[in-house]
C-alpha atoms as a PDB file:
ATOM      1  CA  MET A   1       0.176   0.007  -0.034  1.00  0.00           C
ATOM      2  CA  LYS A   2       1.038   3.684  -0.497  1.00  0.00           C
ATOM      3  CA  ILE A   3       0.126   6.997   0.674  1.00  0.00           C
ATOM      4  CA  VAL A   4       1.358  10.642  -0.243  1.00  0.00           C
ATOM      5  CA  LEU A   5       2.025  12.752   2.737  1.00  0.00           C
ATOM      6  CA  GLY A   6       2.896  16.736   2.739  1.00  0.00           C
ATOM      7  CA  GLY A   7       4.089  17.917   6.044  1.00  0.00           C
ATOM      8  CA  GLY A   8       6.859  20.661   5.296  1.00  0.00           C
ATOM      9  CA  CYS A   9      10.306  19.642   3.842  1.00  0.00           C
ATOM     10  CA  PHE A  10      10.179  16.270   2.599  1.00  0.00           C
ATOM     11  CA  TRP A  11      13.680  15.600   3.868  1.00  0.00           C
ATOM     12  CA  CYS A  12      12.131  15.376   7.217  1.00  0.00           C
ATOM     13  CA  GLN A  13       9.470  13.091   6.507  1.00  0.00           C
ATOM     14  CA  GLU A  14      11.590  10.872   4.427  1.00  0.00           C
ATOM     15  CA  ALA A  15      14.178  10.547   7.305  1.00  0.00           C
ATOM     16  CA  ALA A  16      11.258   9.470   9.714  1.00  0.00           C
ATOM     17  CA  TYR A  17       9.428   7.128   7.670  1.00  0.00           C
ATOM     18  CA  GLN A  18      12.863   5.307   6.575  1.00  0.00           C
ATOM     19  CA  MET A  19      12.921   4.591  10.333  1.00  0.00           C
ATOM     20  CA  VAL A  20       9.563   2.456  10.548  1.00  0.00           C
ATOM     21  CA  LYS A  21       9.005  -1.210  10.309  1.00  0.00           C
ATOM     22  CA  GLY A  22       7.395  -2.351   7.473  1.00  0.00           C
ATOM     23  CA  VAL A  23       7.950   0.720   5.100  1.00  0.00           C
ATOM     24  CA  THR A  24       9.603  -0.616   2.309  1.00  0.00           C
ATOM     25  CA  LYS A  25      10.327   2.506   0.088  1.00  0.00           C
ATOM     26  CA  VAL A  26       9.939   6.434   1.144  1.00  0.00           C
ATOM     27  CA  THR A  27      10.136   8.722  -2.178  1.00  0.00           C
ATOM     28  CA  SER A  28      10.573  12.396  -2.166  1.00  0.00           C
ATOM     29  CA  GLY A  29       8.448  14.377  -4.436  1.00  0.00           C
ATOM     30  CA  TYR A  30       5.734  16.650  -5.336  1.00  0.00           C
ATOM     31  CA  ALA A  31       1.996  16.655  -5.346  1.00  0.00           C
ATOM     32  CA  GLY A  32      -1.008  18.713  -5.469  1.00  0.00           C
ATOM     33  CA  GLY A  33      -0.315  21.085  -8.244  1.00  0.00           C
ATOM     34  CA  THR A  34      -0.953  22.315 -11.576  1.00  0.00           C
ATOM     35  CA  VAL A  35       2.477  22.528 -13.586  1.00  0.00           C
ATOM     36  CA  ALA A  36       3.483  19.040 -15.455  1.00  0.00           C
ATOM     37  CA  ASN A  37       7.022  17.719 -14.373  1.00  0.00           C
ATOM     38  CA  PRO A  38       7.957  20.495 -11.864  1.00  0.00           C
ATOM     39  CA  SER A  39      11.324  21.061 -10.836  1.00  0.00           C
ATOM     40  CA  TYR A  40      12.668  21.580  -7.298  1.00  0.00           C
ATOM     41  CA  GLU A  41      13.361  25.269  -8.018  1.00  0.00           C
ATOM     42  CA  GLN A  42       9.878  25.553  -9.478  1.00  0.00           C
ATOM     43  CA  VAL A  43       8.167  23.973  -6.531  1.00  0.00           C
ATOM     44  CA  VAL A  44       9.960  25.889  -3.869  1.00  0.00           C
ATOM     45  CA  GLY A  45       9.517  29.153  -5.754  1.00  0.00           C
ATOM     46  CA  GLY A  46       5.864  28.800  -4.787  1.00  0.00           C
ATOM     47  CA  GLY A  47       4.268  29.143  -8.187  1.00  0.00           C
ATOM     48  CA  THR A  48       3.108  25.398  -9.172  1.00  0.00           C
ATOM     49  CA  GLY A  49       0.709  24.759  -6.354  1.00  0.00           C
ATOM     50  CA  HIS A  50       2.518  21.634  -5.490  1.00  0.00           C
ATOM     51  CA  ALA A  51       3.753  20.489  -1.999  1.00  0.00           C
ATOM     52  CA  GLU A  52       6.658  18.808  -1.053  1.00  0.00           C
ATOM     53  CA  VAL A  53       5.545  15.292  -0.098  1.00  0.00           C
ATOM     54  CA  VAL A  54       6.741  11.810   0.531  1.00  0.00           C
ATOM     55  CA  MET A  55       5.313   8.758  -0.858  1.00  0.00           C
ATOM     56  CA  VAL A  56       5.392   6.126   1.754  1.00  0.00           C
ATOM     57  CA  GLU A  57       5.111   2.586   0.561  1.00  0.00           C
ATOM     58  CA  PHE A  58       4.383   0.062   3.309  1.00  0.00           C
ATOM     59  CA  ASP A  59       3.451  -3.657   4.338  1.00  0.00           C
ATOM     60  CA  GLU A  60      -0.131  -3.590   5.811  1.00  0.00           C
ATOM     61  CA  SER A  61       0.958  -6.745   7.789  1.00  0.00           C
ATOM     62  CA  ALA A  62       4.004  -5.103   9.544  1.00  0.00           C
ATOM     63  CA  VAL A  63       2.494  -1.386  10.154  1.00  0.00           C
ATOM     64  CA  SER A  64      -1.232  -0.212   9.460  1.00  0.00           C
ATOM     65  CA  LEU A  65      -2.016   3.029   7.601  1.00  0.00           C
ATOM     66  CA  ASN A  66      -3.448   4.281  11.028  1.00  0.00           C
ATOM     67  CA  GLN A  67       0.101   3.899  12.580  1.00  0.00           C
ATOM     68  CA  ILE A  68       1.457   5.876   9.483  1.00  0.00           C
ATOM     69  CA  LEU A  69      -0.954   8.634   9.965  1.00  0.00           C
ATOM     70  CA  ASP A  70      -0.307   8.457  14.146  1.00  0.00           C
ATOM     71  CA  ILE A  71       3.538   9.278  13.127  1.00  0.00           C
ATOM     72  CA  TYR A  72       2.392  11.868  10.510  1.00  0.00           C
ATOM     73  CA  TRP A  73       0.885  13.829  13.166  1.00  0.00           C
ATOM     74  CA  THR A  74       3.636  13.516  15.400  1.00  0.00           C
ATOM     75  CA  ILE A  75       6.375  14.866  13.075  1.00  0.00           C
ATOM     76  CA  HIS A  76       4.785  18.124  11.824  1.00  0.00           C
ATOM     77  CA  ASP A  77       2.834  20.887  12.983  1.00  0.00           C
ATOM     78  CA  PRO A  78      -0.456  20.299  11.138  1.00  0.00           C
ATOM     79  CA  THR A  79      -1.976  23.411  12.678  1.00  0.00           C
ATOM     80  CA  THR A  80       0.217  25.911  10.794  1.00  0.00           C
ATOM     81  CA  LEU A  81      -1.071  26.869   7.611  1.00  0.00           C
ATOM     82  CA  ASN A  82       1.368  26.956   4.758  1.00  0.00           C
ATOM     83  CA  ARG A  83       4.378  26.597   6.931  1.00  0.00           C
ATOM     84  CA  GLN A  84       6.791  24.322   8.993  1.00  0.00           C
ATOM     85  CA  GLY A  85       9.058  26.258  11.225  1.00  0.00           C
ATOM     86  CA  ALA A  86      11.069  28.766   8.993  1.00  0.00           C
ATOM     87  CA  ASP A  87       9.604  26.774   5.980  1.00  0.00           C
ATOM     88  CA  ILE A  88       7.156  29.163   4.535  1.00  0.00           C
ATOM     89  CA  GLY A  89       4.731  28.543   1.594  1.00  0.00           C
ATOM     90  CA  THR A  90       2.103  26.632   0.174  1.00  0.00           C
ATOM     91  CA  GLN A  91       4.754  23.997  -1.142  1.00  0.00           C
ATOM     92  CA  TYR A  92       5.256  23.340   2.777  1.00  0.00           C
ATOM     93  CA  ARG A  93       1.520  22.613   3.378  1.00  0.00           C
ATOM     94  CA  SER A  94       0.037  19.976   5.549  1.00  0.00           C
ATOM     95  CA  ALA A  95      -1.537  17.714   3.241  1.00  0.00           C
ATOM     96  CA  ILE A  96      -2.715  14.086   2.860  1.00  0.00           C
ATOM     97  CA  PHE A  97      -3.203  12.949  -0.868  1.00  0.00           C
ATOM     98  CA  TYR A  98      -5.258   9.656  -0.665  1.00  0.00           C
ATOM     99  CA  VAL A  99      -5.481   7.003  -3.481  1.00  0.00           C
ATOM    100  CA  ASP A 100      -9.029   5.402  -2.966  1.00  0.00           C
ATOM    101  CA  PRO A 101     -11.965   6.161  -1.008  1.00  0.00           C
ATOM    102  CA  HIS A 102     -10.798   3.901   1.885  1.00  0.00           C
ATOM    103  CA  GLN A 103      -7.821   5.818   2.689  1.00  0.00           C
ATOM    104  CA  LYS A 104      -9.757   9.153   2.575  1.00  0.00           C
ATOM    105  CA  ALA A 105     -12.232   7.889   5.306  1.00  0.00           C
ATOM    106  CA  ILE A 106      -8.958   6.622   7.116  1.00  0.00           C
ATOM    107  CA  ALA A 107      -7.202   9.956   6.847  1.00  0.00           C
ATOM    108  CA  GLU A 108     -10.232  11.893   7.860  1.00  0.00           C
ATOM    109  CA  ALA A 109     -10.907   9.517  10.874  1.00  0.00           C
ATOM    110  CA  SER A 110      -7.413  10.025  11.786  1.00  0.00           C
ATOM    111  CA  MET A 111      -7.451  13.686  11.625  1.00  0.00           C
ATOM    112  CA  GLN A 112     -10.493  13.991  13.787  1.00  0.00           C
ATOM    113  CA  SER A 113      -8.723  11.741  16.473  1.00  0.00           C
ATOM    114  CA  ALA A 114      -5.539  14.041  16.189  1.00  0.00           C
ATOM    115  CA  GLN A 115      -7.179  16.766  16.896  1.00  0.00           C
ATOM    116  CA  LYS A 116      -7.304  16.172  20.589  1.00  0.00           C
ATOM    117  CA  LEU A 117      -3.372  16.376  20.529  1.00  0.00           C
ATOM    118  CA  TRP A 118      -3.243  19.869  19.536  1.00  0.00           C
ATOM    119  CA  ASN A 119      -4.632  23.188  20.986  1.00  0.00           C
ATOM    120  CA  GLN A 120      -5.174  24.868  17.479  1.00  0.00           C
ATOM    121  CA  PRO A 121      -7.371  23.830  14.767  1.00  0.00           C
ATOM    122  CA  ILE A 122      -5.650  21.278  12.266  1.00  0.00           C
ATOM    123  CA  VAL A 123      -5.426  22.857   8.703  1.00  0.00           C
ATOM    124  CA  THR A 124      -4.293  19.817   6.978  1.00  0.00           C
ATOM    125  CA  THR A 125      -6.331  19.266   3.518  1.00  0.00           C
ATOM    126  CA  ILE A 126      -7.297  15.705   2.787  1.00  0.00           C
ATOM    127  CA  GLU A 127      -7.031  15.675  -1.251  1.00  0.00           C
ATOM    128  CA  PRO A 128      -6.958  12.731  -4.023  1.00  0.00           C
ATOM    129  CA  LEU A 129      -3.822  12.001  -5.350  1.00  0.00           C
ATOM    130  CA  GLU A 130      -4.016  12.991  -9.021  1.00  0.00           C
ATOM    131  CA  VAL A 131      -0.413  12.684 -10.049  1.00  0.00           C
ATOM    132  CA  PHE A 132       3.088  12.203  -7.987  1.00  0.00           C
ATOM    133  CA  TYR A 133       6.177  13.775  -9.543  1.00  0.00           C
ATOM    134  CA  GLU A 134       9.436  11.969  -8.181  1.00  0.00           C
ATOM    135  CA  ALA A 135      11.839  14.582  -6.660  1.00  0.00           C
ATOM    136  CA  GLU A 136      15.147  15.038  -8.142  1.00  0.00           C
ATOM    137  CA  GLU A 137      18.068  12.462  -7.532  1.00  0.00           C
ATOM    138  CA  TYR A 138      19.824  14.713  -5.180  1.00  0.00           C
ATOM    139  CA  HIS A 139      17.040  14.880  -2.683  1.00  0.00           C
ATOM    140  CA  LYS A 140      17.064  10.870  -2.120  1.00  0.00           C
ATOM    141  CA  ASP A 141      18.225  10.141   1.413  1.00  0.00           C
ATOM    142  CA  TYR A 142      19.389  13.452   2.005  1.00  0.00           C
ATOM    143  CA  PHE A 143      19.589  13.147   5.669  1.00  0.00           C
ATOM    144  CA  GLY A 144      21.183   9.732   5.457  1.00  0.00           C
ATOM    145  CA  ARG A 145      23.885  11.082   3.293  1.00  0.00           C
ATOM    146  CA  HIS A 146      24.225  14.892   5.041  1.00  0.00           C
ATOM    147  CA  PRO A 147      23.604  13.828   8.660  1.00  0.00           C
ATOM    148  CA  GLU A 148      26.183  16.860   9.651  1.00  0.00           C
ATOM    149  CA  GLN A 149      24.260  19.610   7.753  1.00  0.00           C
ATOM    150  CA  ALA A 150      23.121  22.206   9.985  1.00  0.00           C
ATOM    151  CA  TYR A 151      19.355  21.791   8.584  1.00  0.00           C
ATOM    152  CA  CYS A 152      19.750  18.329   9.531  1.00  0.00           C
ATOM    153  CA  GLN A 153      21.082  18.691  12.852  1.00  0.00           C
ATOM    154  CA  VAL A 154      18.548  21.506  13.860  1.00  0.00           C
ATOM    155  CA  VAL A 155      15.547  20.607  12.301  1.00  0.00           C
ATOM    156  CA  ILE A 156      15.529  16.666  11.125  1.00  0.00           C
ATOM    157  CA  ASN A 157      17.275  15.375  14.088  1.00  0.00           C
ATOM    158  CA  PRO A 158      14.789  16.849  16.655  1.00  0.00           C
ATOM    159  CA  LYS A 159      11.641  15.231  14.772  1.00  0.00           C
ATOM    160  CA  LEU A 160      13.582  11.939  14.819  1.00  0.00           C
ATOM    161  CA  VAL A 161      14.295  12.074  18.487  1.00  0.00           C
ATOM    162  CA  LYS A 162      10.352  12.905  18.987  1.00  0.00           C
ATOM    163  CA  LEU A 163       9.672   9.877  16.762  1.00  0.00           C
ATOM    164  CA  ARG A 164      11.821   7.709  18.457  1.00  0.00           C
ATOM    165  CA  LYS A 165      10.815   8.440  21.872  1.00  0.00           C
ATOM    166  CA  LYS A 166       7.137   8.234  21.120  1.00  0.00           C
ATOM    167  CA  TYR A 167       7.075   5.157  18.561  1.00  0.00           C
ATOM    168  CA  HIS A 168      10.166   3.322  19.393  1.00  0.00           C
ATOM    169  CA  HIS A 169       7.813   0.015  19.174  1.00  0.00           C
ATOM    170  CA  LEU A 170       7.376   0.826  15.472  1.00  0.00           C
ATOM    171  CA  LEU A 171      10.774   1.182  14.583  1.00  0.00           C
ATOM    172  CA  LYS A 172      12.997  -1.088  12.454  1.00  0.00           C
ATOM    173  CA  GLN A 173      15.691  -2.732  14.878  1.00  0.00           C
ATOM    174  CA  SER A 174      18.325  -2.356  12.515  1.00  0.00           C
ATOM    175  CA  TRP A 175      17.963   1.125  11.671  1.00  0.00           C
ATOM    176  CA  GLY A 176      21.067   3.270  12.385  1.00  0.00           C
ATOM    177  CA  CYS A 177      21.405   6.544  12.761  1.00  0.00           C
ATOM    178  CA  PRO A 178      24.080   8.343  10.542  1.00  0.00           C
ATOM    179  CA  CYS A 179      24.292  11.136  13.189  1.00  0.00           C
ATOM    180  CA  LYS A 180      27.628  11.519  15.174  1.00  0.00           C
ATOM    181  CA  ASN A 181      25.603  11.322  18.139  1.00  0.00           C
ATOM    182  CA  THR A 182      23.975   8.059  17.753  1.00  0.00           C
ATOM    183  CA  ALA A 183      23.263   7.770  21.742  1.00  0.00           C
ATOM    184  CA  ILE A 184      19.875   9.756  21.062  1.00  0.00           C
ATOM    185  CA  PHE A 185      18.474   6.640  19.699  1.00  0.00           C
ATOM    186  CA  SER A 186      19.421   4.215  22.198  1.00  0.00           C
ATOM    187  CA  GLN A 187      16.842   2.170  23.861  1.00  0.00           C
ATOM    188  CA  ASN A 188      17.487   4.486  27.056  1.00  0.00           C
ATOM    189  CA  SER A 189      16.125   7.272  25.268  1.00  0.00           C
ATOM    190  CA  ALA A 190      12.829   5.615  24.531  1.00  0.00           C
END
C-alpha cells in the first residue's frame, strides 16, 4: 500500500519514515500542483501549487495506515497554514493525498482523532492524489547522506528524537542513525 503525505520539507518526512518497520520505500516528490513535471526550483518558488511530499510505501501486515498517520501527526505541526518552522509557503503545507475512498475515510478519522493532541485547529487538507512527481536524485536519502549539515542537525534530528521516544516500538531494530550522536536513539532514550 502507499500514501502520499505533505508536512513541510520532504527531507524530514523521508528520514522519519525510513525508520519505520514495514515501510518498504519512501520517495520524496511533489503533488497537488498544476504544472507538469515541476523542478525543485519551481516548487520552492511557490508558483506551481505543488507541496513537497513523500510517497510512503508499506506492508500492511507490519504497519497499518493508522500507524503511518499517527506518526504523521507527530513529526510535523498540522496546525500551521502553509508553514513548517522557517519553511513558509504553500509548498510546505500539511496535506494528505489519498489513493482511494477507503484511504480518504481513514485519513479523515485519523485527523479527527489527532485534533485532540493539538490546541489549535488542524489545517491539513485531505485531497485525492492526481499525480505524483518524483523529486530529483540529489534529494534522495538526504538526511542519511548529509547528517552533519546544519538543517539536518537543527530541524530533522529533533523530529527523529521525538519519533524515537513516542514510537520506538514501530521502528526498525536495524535502523542506524548516521548522526554523530547516535546515543540519542538508544533504547535508553525511549
